[in-house]
PDB file of N, CA and C in Angstrom:
ATOM      1  N   UNK A   1     101.533 121.948 139.887  1.00  0.00           N
ATOM      2  CA  UNK A   1     102.042 122.267 138.661  1.00  0.00           C
ATOM      3  C   UNK A   1     101.110 122.030 137.439  1.00  0.00           C
ATOM      4  N   UNK A   2     101.087 123.068 136.508  1.00  0.00           N
ATOM      5  CA  UNK A   2      99.773 123.132 135.309  1.00  0.00           C
ATOM      6  C   UNK A   2     100.358 121.885 134.068  1.00  0.00           C
ATOM      7  N   UNK A   3      99.333 121.358 133.755  1.00  0.00           N
ATOM      8  CA  UNK A   3      99.615 120.329 132.722  1.00  0.00           C
ATOM      9  C   UNK A   3     100.221 121.099 131.431  1.00  0.00           C
ATOM     10  N   UNK A   4     100.986 120.575 131.033  1.00  0.00           N
ATOM     11  CA  UNK A   4     101.320 121.105 129.648  1.00  0.00           C
ATOM     12  C   UNK A   4     101.016 120.177 128.453  1.00  0.00           C
ATOM     13  N   UNK A   5     100.582 120.731 127.518  1.00  0.00           N
ATOM     14  CA  UNK A   5     100.270 120.129 126.088  1.00  0.00           C
ATOM     15  C   UNK A   5     101.000 120.456 124.899  1.00  0.00           C
ATOM     16  N   UNK A   6     101.616 119.609 124.347  1.00  0.00           N
ATOM     17  CA  UNK A   6     102.228 119.869 122.915  1.00  0.00           C
ATOM     18  C   UNK A   6     101.843 119.072 121.791  1.00  0.00           C
ATOM     19  N   UNK A   7     101.271 119.427 120.899  1.00  0.00           N
ATOM     20  CA  UNK A   7     101.147 119.077 119.428  1.00  0.00           C
ATOM     21  C   UNK A   7     102.078 119.166 118.477  1.00  0.00           C
ATOM     22  N   UNK A   8     102.711 118.092 117.750  1.00  0.00           N
ATOM     23  CA  UNK A   8     103.412 118.359 116.790  1.00  0.00           C
ATOM     24  C   UNK A   8     102.712 117.782 115.478  1.00  0.00           C
ATOM     25  N   UNK A   9     103.196 118.137 114.166  1.00  0.00           N
ATOM     26  CA  UNK A   9     102.716 117.555 113.038  1.00  0.00           C
ATOM     27  C   UNK A   9     103.761 117.287 112.037  1.00  0.00           C
ATOM     28  N   UNK A  10     103.934 115.972 111.668  1.00  0.00           N
ATOM     29  CA  UNK A  10     104.844 115.749 110.749  1.00  0.00           C
ATOM     30  C   UNK A  10     104.529 115.272 109.633  1.00  0.00           C
ATOM     31  N   UNK A  11     105.371 114.904 108.742  1.00  0.00           N
ATOM     32  CA  UNK A  11     104.807 114.344 107.258  1.00  0.00           C
ATOM     33  C   UNK A  11     105.265 112.856 107.283  1.00  0.00           C
ATOM     34  N   UNK A  12     104.804 111.843 107.191  1.00  0.00           N
ATOM     35  CA  UNK A  12     105.325 110.595 106.921  1.00  0.00           C
ATOM     36  C   UNK A  12     104.929 110.253 105.411  1.00  0.00           C
ATOM     37  N   UNK A  13     106.000 109.778 104.814  1.00  0.00           N
ATOM     38  CA  UNK A  13     106.207 109.111 103.464  1.00  0.00           C
ATOM     39  C   UNK A  13     106.600 107.596 103.513  1.00  0.00           C
ATOM     40  N   UNK A  14     105.782 107.081 103.010  1.00  0.00           N
ATOM     41  CA  UNK A  14     106.058 105.535 103.070  1.00  0.00           C
ATOM     42  C   UNK A  14     105.979 105.372 101.524  1.00  0.00           C
ATOM     43  N   UNK A  15     107.363 104.514 101.567  1.00  0.00           N
ATOM     44  CA  UNK A  15     107.875 103.922 100.207  1.00  0.00           C
ATOM     45  C   UNK A  15     108.089 102.297 100.349  1.00  0.00           C
ATOM     46  N   UNK A  16     107.860 101.584  99.217  1.00  0.00           N
ATOM     47  CA  UNK A  16     108.455 100.558  99.026  1.00  0.00           C
ATOM     48  C   UNK A  16     109.959 100.185  98.839  1.00  0.00           C
ATOM     49  N   UNK A  17     110.354  99.502  99.468  1.00  0.00           N
ATOM     50  CA  UNK A  17     112.072  99.212  98.858  1.00  0.00           C
ATOM     51  C   UNK A  17     112.233  98.163  97.840  1.00  0.00           C
ATOM     52  N   UNK A  18     113.369  97.845  97.496  1.00  0.00           N
ATOM     53  CA  UNK A  18     113.439  96.978  96.108  1.00  0.00           C
ATOM     54  C   UNK A  18     113.041  95.805  96.284  1.00  0.00           C
ATOM     55  N   UNK A  19     112.960  95.504  97.770  1.00  0.00           N
ATOM     56  CA  UNK A  19     112.428  93.989  98.126  1.00  0.00           C
ATOM     57  C   UNK A  19     110.737  94.112  98.539  1.00  0.00           C
ATOM     58  N   UNK A  20     110.339  95.222  98.074  1.00  0.00           N
ATOM     59  CA  UNK A  20     108.769  95.348  98.198  1.00  0.00           C
ATOM     60  C   UNK A  20     108.425  95.485  99.906  1.00  0.00           C
ATOM     61  N   UNK A  21     109.496  95.765 100.565  1.00  0.00           N
ATOM     62  CA  UNK A  21     108.886  95.913 102.124  1.00  0.00           C
ATOM     63  C   UNK A  21     108.937  97.583 102.379  1.00  0.00           C
ATOM     64  N   UNK A  22     107.956  97.861 103.458  1.00  0.00           N
ATOM     65  CA  UNK A  22     107.763  99.244 103.738  1.00  0.00           C
ATOM     66  C   UNK A  22     109.093  99.843 104.458  1.00  0.00           C
ATOM     67  N   UNK A  23     109.453 101.215 103.856  1.00  0.00           N
ATOM     68  CA  UNK A  23     110.102 102.104 104.752  1.00  0.00           C
ATOM     69  C   UNK A  23     109.668 103.295 104.713  1.00  0.00           C
ATOM     70  N   UNK A  24     109.672 104.029 105.652  1.00  0.00           N
ATOM     71  CA  UNK A  24     108.933 105.347 106.043  1.00  0.00           C
ATOM     72  C   UNK A  24     110.060 106.352 106.257  1.00  0.00           C
ATOM     73  N   UNK A  25     109.793 107.458 105.623  1.00  0.00           N
ATOM     74  CA  UNK A  25     110.750 108.817 106.177  1.00  0.00           C
ATOM     75  C   UNK A  25     109.856 109.803 106.860  1.00  0.00           C
ATOM     76  N   UNK A  26     109.981 110.147 107.780  1.00  0.00           N
ATOM     77  CA  UNK A  26     109.277 111.245 108.370  1.00  0.00           C
ATOM     78  C   UNK A  26     110.190 112.553 108.289  1.00  0.00           C
ATOM     79  N   UNK A  27     109.478 113.848 107.874  1.00  0.00           N
ATOM     80  CA  UNK A  27     109.848 115.090 107.745  1.00  0.00           C
ATOM     81  C   UNK A  27     109.220 115.712 108.808  1.00  0.00           C
ATOM     82  N   UNK A  28     110.126 116.410 109.689  1.00  0.00           N
ATOM     83  CA  UNK A  28     109.630 116.936 110.838  1.00  0.00           C
ATOM     84  C   UNK A  28     109.266 118.266 110.826  1.00  0.00           C
ATOM     85  N   UNK A  29     109.898 119.224 109.563  1.00  0.00           N
ATOM     86  CA  UNK A  29     109.558 120.371 109.318  1.00  0.00           C
ATOM     87  C   UNK A  29     108.669 120.818 108.119  1.00  0.00           C
ATOM     88  N   UNK A  30     107.745 119.833 108.002  1.00  0.00           N
ATOM     89  CA  UNK A  30     107.117 119.828 106.284  1.00  0.00           C
ATOM     90  C   UNK A  30     106.077 120.866 106.330  1.00  0.00           C
ATOM     91  N   UNK A  31     105.693 121.446 105.108  1.00  0.00           N
ATOM     92  CA  UNK A  31     104.891 122.615 105.230  1.00  0.00           C
ATOM     93  C   UNK A  31     103.288 121.914 105.509  1.00  0.00           C
ATOM     94  N   UNK A  32     102.957 122.734 106.133  1.00  0.00           N
ATOM     95  CA  UNK A  32     101.195 122.105 106.266  1.00  0.00           C
ATOM     96  C   UNK A  32     100.443 122.320 105.134  1.00  0.00           C
ATOM     97  N   UNK A  33      99.450 121.211 104.975  1.00  0.00           N
ATOM     98  CA  UNK A  33      98.541 121.345 103.956  1.00  0.00           C
ATOM     99  C   UNK A  33      98.965 121.245 102.433  1.00  0.00           C
ATOM    100  N   UNK A  34      99.938 120.391 102.519  1.00  0.00           N
ATOM    101  CA  UNK A  34     100.812 120.147 100.937  1.00  0.00           C
ATOM    102  C   UNK A  34      99.559 119.474  99.944  1.00  0.00           C
ATOM    103  N   UNK A  35      99.670 119.808  98.881  1.00  0.00           N
ATOM    104  CA  UNK A  35      98.746 119.083  98.084  1.00  0.00           C
ATOM    105  C   UNK A  35      99.270 117.647  97.468  1.00  0.00           C
ATOM    106  N   UNK A  36      98.400 116.823  97.113  1.00  0.00           N
ATOM    107  CA  UNK A  36      98.925 115.411  96.636  1.00  0.00           C
ATOM    108  C   UNK A  36     100.005 115.452  95.558  1.00  0.00           C
ATOM    109  N   UNK A  37      99.646 116.377  94.636  1.00  0.00           N
ATOM    110  CA  UNK A  37     100.472 116.290  93.322  1.00  0.00           C
ATOM    111  C   UNK A  37     102.203 116.977  93.671  1.00  0.00           C
ATOM    112  N   UNK A  38     101.962 117.593  94.767  1.00  0.00           N
ATOM    113  CA  UNK A  38     103.037 118.223  95.341  1.00  0.00           C
ATOM    114  C   UNK A  38     104.122 117.298  95.901  1.00  0.00           C
ATOM    115  N   UNK A  39     103.549 116.220  96.949  1.00  0.00           N
ATOM    116  CA  UNK A  39     103.740 115.537  97.708  1.00  0.00           C
ATOM    117  C   UNK A  39     104.214 114.224  96.947  1.00  0.00           C
ATOM    118  N   UNK A  40     103.746 113.756  95.880  1.00  0.00           N
ATOM    119  CA  UNK A  40     103.814 112.786  94.962  1.00  0.00           C
ATOM    120  C   UNK A  40     105.048 113.103  94.170  1.00  0.00           C
ATOM    121  N   UNK A  41     105.361 114.463  93.700  1.00  0.00           N
ATOM    122  CA  UNK A  41     106.451 114.894  92.791  1.00  0.00           C
ATOM    123  C   UNK A  41     107.783 114.663  93.428  1.00  0.00           C
ATOM    124  N   UNK A  42     107.598 115.545  94.882  1.00  0.00           N
ATOM    125  CA  UNK A  42     108.897 114.999  95.942  1.00  0.00           C
ATOM    126  C   UNK A  42     109.096 113.596  96.301  1.00  0.00           C
ATOM    127  N   UNK A  43     107.923 112.596  96.372  1.00  0.00           N
ATOM    128  CA  UNK A  43     108.519 111.381  96.762  1.00  0.00           C
ATOM    129  C   UNK A  43     109.158 110.812  95.506  1.00  0.00           C
ATOM    130  N   UNK A  44     108.567 110.919  94.135  1.00  0.00           N
ATOM    131  CA  UNK A  44     109.119 110.243  92.934  1.00  0.00           C
ATOM    132  C   UNK A  44     110.517 110.905  92.830  1.00  0.00           C
ATOM    133  N   UNK A  45     110.931 111.876  93.023  1.00  0.00           N
ATOM    134  CA  UNK A  45     112.343 112.690  93.288  1.00  0.00           C
ATOM    135  C   UNK A  45     113.374 112.036  94.032  1.00  0.00           C
ATOM    136  N   UNK A  46     112.558 111.801  95.263  1.00  0.00           N
ATOM    137  CA  UNK A  46     113.341 110.930  96.107  1.00  0.00           C
ATOM    138  C   UNK A  46     113.747 109.666  95.577  1.00  0.00           C
ATOM    139  N   UNK A  47     112.784 109.005  95.140  1.00  0.00           N
ATOM    140  CA  UNK A  47     112.856 107.376  94.852  1.00  0.00           C
ATOM    141  C   UNK A  47     113.690 107.374  93.560  1.00  0.00           C
ATOM    142  N   UNK A  48     113.819 108.268  92.689  1.00  0.00           N
ATOM    143  CA  UNK A  48     114.555 108.362  91.347  1.00  0.00           C
ATOM    144  C   UNK A  48     115.986 108.714  91.596  1.00  0.00           C
ATOM    145  N   UNK A  49     116.488 109.166  92.795  1.00  0.00           N
ATOM    146  CA  UNK A  49     117.568 109.825  93.383  1.00  0.00           C
ATOM    147  C   UNK A  49     118.392 108.526  93.669  1.00  0.00           C
ATOM    148  N   UNK A  50     117.850 107.515  93.944  1.00  0.00           N
ATOM    149  CA  UNK A  50     118.386 106.342  94.319  1.00  0.00           C
ATOM    150  C   UNK A  50     119.797 106.277  95.191  1.00  0.00           C
ATOM    151  N   UNK A  51     119.530 106.900  96.419  1.00  0.00           N
ATOM    152  CA  UNK A  51     120.834 107.323  97.048  1.00  0.00           C
ATOM    153  C   UNK A  51     120.755 106.851  98.402  1.00  0.00           C
ATOM    154  N   UNK A  52     119.657 106.059  98.936  1.00  0.00           N
ATOM    155  CA  UNK A  52     119.555 105.508 100.059  1.00  0.00           C
ATOM    156  C   UNK A  52     119.142 103.879  99.768  1.00  0.00           C
ATOM    157  N   UNK A  53     120.376 103.539 100.515  1.00  0.00           N
ATOM    158  CA  UNK A  53     120.477 101.951 100.328  1.00  0.00           C
ATOM    159  C   UNK A  53     121.127 101.287 101.775  1.00  0.00           C
ATOM    160  N   UNK A  54     120.413  99.972 102.093  1.00  0.00           N
ATOM    161  CA  UNK A  54     121.052  99.241 103.198  1.00  0.00           C
ATOM    162  C   UNK A  54     121.250  98.116 102.710  1.00  0.00           C
ATOM    163  N   UNK A  55     122.559  97.665 102.908  1.00  0.00           N
ATOM    164  CA  UNK A  55     123.275  96.113 102.394  1.00  0.00           C
ATOM    165  C   UNK A  55     122.617  95.860 101.031  1.00  0.00           C
ATOM    166  N   UNK A  56     122.714  96.679 100.237  1.00  0.00           N
ATOM    167  CA  UNK A  56     122.143  96.206  98.717  1.00  0.00           C
ATOM    168  C   UNK A  56     120.554  96.278  98.408  1.00  0.00           C
ATOM    169  N   UNK A  57     120.115  97.179  99.409  1.00  0.00           N
ATOM    170  CA  UNK A  57     118.595  97.183  99.285  1.00  0.00           C
ATOM    171  C   UNK A  57     118.112  98.612  98.893  1.00  0.00           C
ATOM    172  N   UNK A  58     117.682  99.017  98.042  1.00  0.00           N
ATOM    173  CA  UNK A  58     117.126 100.579  97.615  1.00  0.00           C
ATOM    174  C   UNK A  58     116.074 100.687  98.792  1.00  0.00           C
ATOM    175  N   UNK A  59     116.006 101.630  99.575  1.00  0.00           N
ATOM    176  CA  UNK A  59     115.537 101.864 100.801  1.00  0.00           C
ATOM    177  C   UNK A  59     113.761 102.601 100.019  1.00  0.00           C
ATOM    178  N   UNK A  60     113.716 103.704  99.248  1.00  0.00           N
ATOM    179  CA  UNK A  60     112.962 104.327  98.879  1.00  0.00           C
ATOM    180  C   UNK A  60     112.684 104.171  97.463  1.00  0.00           C
ATOM    181  N   UNK A  61     112.268 102.975  96.962  1.00  0.00           N
ATOM    182  CA  UNK A  61     112.573 102.561  95.619  1.00  0.00           C
ATOM    183  C   UNK A  61     110.948 103.092  94.917  1.00  0.00           C
ATOM    184  N   UNK A  62     110.013 103.205  95.759  1.00  0.00           N
ATOM    185  CA  UNK A  62     108.541 103.299  95.004  1.00  0.00           C
ATOM    186  C   UNK A  62     107.675 103.866  96.075  1.00  0.00           C
ATOM    187  N   UNK A  63     107.214 105.251  95.739  1.00  0.00           N
ATOM    188  CA  UNK A  63     106.244 105.845  96.448  1.00  0.00           C
ATOM    189  C   UNK A  63     104.662 105.283  96.824  1.00  0.00           C
ATOM    190  N   UNK A  64     104.632 105.046  98.091  1.00  0.00           N
ATOM    191  CA  UNK A  64     103.290 103.951  98.321  1.00  0.00           C
ATOM    192  C   UNK A  64     102.090 105.016  98.916  1.00  0.00           C
ATOM    193  N   UNK A  65     102.751 105.863  99.918  1.00  0.00           N
ATOM    194  CA  UNK A  65     101.505 106.734 100.835  1.00  0.00           C
ATOM    195  C   UNK A  65     102.108 107.815 101.561  1.00  0.00           C
ATOM    196  N   UNK A  66     101.307 108.835 101.774  1.00  0.00           N
ATOM    197  CA  UNK A  66     101.939 109.761 102.434  1.00  0.00           C
ATOM    198  C   UNK A  66     100.903 110.590 103.218  1.00  0.00           C
ATOM    199  N   UNK A  67     101.215 110.576 104.617  1.00  0.00           N
ATOM    200  CA  UNK A  67     100.049 111.270 105.852  1.00  0.00           C
ATOM    201  C   UNK A  67     100.919 112.350 106.733  1.00  0.00           C
ATOM    202  N   UNK A  68      99.758 113.217 106.939  1.00  0.00           N
ATOM    203  CA  UNK A  68     100.200 114.029 108.014  1.00  0.00           C
ATOM    204  C   UNK A  68      99.992 113.468 109.347  1.00  0.00           C
ATOM    205  N   UNK A  69     101.091 113.280 110.329  1.00  0.00           N
ATOM    206  CA  UNK A  69     100.711 112.704 111.451  1.00  0.00           C
ATOM    207  C   UNK A  69     100.808 113.793 112.651  1.00  0.00           C
ATOM    208  N   UNK A  70      99.638 113.544 113.379  1.00  0.00           N
ATOM    209  CA  UNK A  70      99.779 114.438 114.749  1.00  0.00           C
ATOM    210  C   UNK A  70      99.859 113.894 115.899  1.00  0.00           C
ATOM    211  N   UNK A  71     101.034 114.267 116.494  1.00  0.00           N
ATOM    212  CA  UNK A  71     100.857 113.663 117.885  1.00  0.00           C
ATOM    213  C   UNK A  71     100.866 114.789 118.934  1.00  0.00           C
ATOM    214  N   UNK A  72      99.831 114.313 120.140  1.00  0.00           N
ATOM    215  CA  UNK A  72      99.829 115.212 121.152  1.00  0.00           C
ATOM    216  C   UNK A  72     100.137 114.592 122.474  1.00  0.00           C
ATOM    217  N   UNK A  73     101.358 115.193 122.776  1.00  0.00           N
ATOM    218  CA  UNK A  73     101.950 114.730 124.358  1.00  0.00           C
ATOM    219  C   UNK A  73     101.144 115.744 125.613  1.00  0.00           C
ATOM    220  N   UNK A  74     100.820 114.939 126.681  1.00  0.00           N
ATOM    221  CA  UNK A  74     100.305 115.869 127.924  1.00  0.00           C
ATOM    222  C   UNK A  74     101.014 115.200 128.895  1.00  0.00           C
ATOM    223  N   UNK A  75     101.856 116.206 129.531  1.00  0.00           N
ATOM    224  CA  UNK A  75     102.737 115.828 130.706  1.00  0.00           C
ATOM    225  C   UNK A  75     101.477 115.873 131.741  1.00  0.00           C
ATOM    226  N   UNK A  76     101.954 114.777 132.348  1.00  0.00           N
ATOM    227  CA  UNK A  76     101.563 114.260 133.663  1.00  0.00           C
ATOM    228  C   UNK A  76     102.268 115.237 134.922  1.00  0.00           C
ATOM    229  N   UNK A  77     103.486 114.855 134.901  1.00  0.00           N
ATOM    230  CA  UNK A  77     104.400 115.774 135.795  1.00  0.00           C
ATOM    231  C   UNK A  77     105.781 115.907 135.206  1.00  0.00           C
ATOM    232  N   UNK A  78     106.381 116.886 135.514  1.00  0.00           N
ATOM    233  CA  UNK A  78     107.938 117.132 134.714  1.00  0.00           C
ATOM    234  C   UNK A  78     108.700 117.649 135.683  1.00  0.00           C
ATOM    235  N   UNK A  79     109.522 116.780 136.382  1.00  0.00           N
ATOM    236  CA  UNK A  79     110.665 117.463 137.352  1.00  0.00           C
ATOM    237  C   UNK A  79     111.811 117.700 136.840  1.00  0.00           C
ATOM    238  N   UNK A  80     112.043 117.920 135.417  1.00  0.00           N
ATOM    239  CA  UNK A  80     113.289 118.208 134.986  1.00  0.00           C
ATOM    240  C   UNK A  80     113.834 119.793 135.000  1.00  0.00           C
ATOM    241  N   UNK A  81     112.599 120.491 135.226  1.00  0.00           N
ATOM    242  CA  UNK A  81     113.255 121.921 135.973  1.00  0.00           C
ATOM    243  C   UNK A  81     113.722 122.070 137.074  1.00  0.00           C
ATOM    244  N   UNK A  82     113.300 121.053 137.801  1.00  0.00           N
ATOM    245  CA  UNK A  82     113.640 120.933 139.547  1.00  0.00           C
ATOM    246  C   UNK A  82     114.895 120.259 139.261  1.00  0.00           C
ATOM    247  N   UNK A  83     115.331 119.346 138.551  1.00  0.00           N
ATOM    248  CA  UNK A  83     116.530 118.975 138.552  1.00  0.00           C
ATOM    249  C   UNK A  83     117.996 119.824 138.144  1.00  0.00           C
ATOM    250  N   UNK A  84     117.431 120.903 137.554  1.00  0.00           N
ATOM    251  CA  UNK A  84     118.684 121.912 137.215  1.00  0.00           C
ATOM    252  C   UNK A  84     119.102 122.605 138.097  1.00  0.00           C
ATOM    253  N   UNK A  85     118.236 122.659 139.318  1.00  0.00           N
ATOM    254  CA  UNK A  85     118.702 123.586 140.423  1.00  0.00           C
ATOM    255  C   UNK A  85     119.545 123.141 141.408  1.00  0.00           C
TER     256      UNK A  85
END
């Protein structure tokens, strides 16, 4: 069987919660190559909306960082197609 390789690119937004602990939000279908100002603006809107909370802690209180994350998966084998027969 030929080896299959798949690369995905996501946008990871890291915030500090109201207890100054890190929380990340991953965007699976983000626009590629966004500029810092655009990402900062979006993160500021998310933080100011104050709609994400767990046990009284605001999860996305302040923007800390943003990064594109590329992940490559290379199959060694995949019998899932054979399982459908």
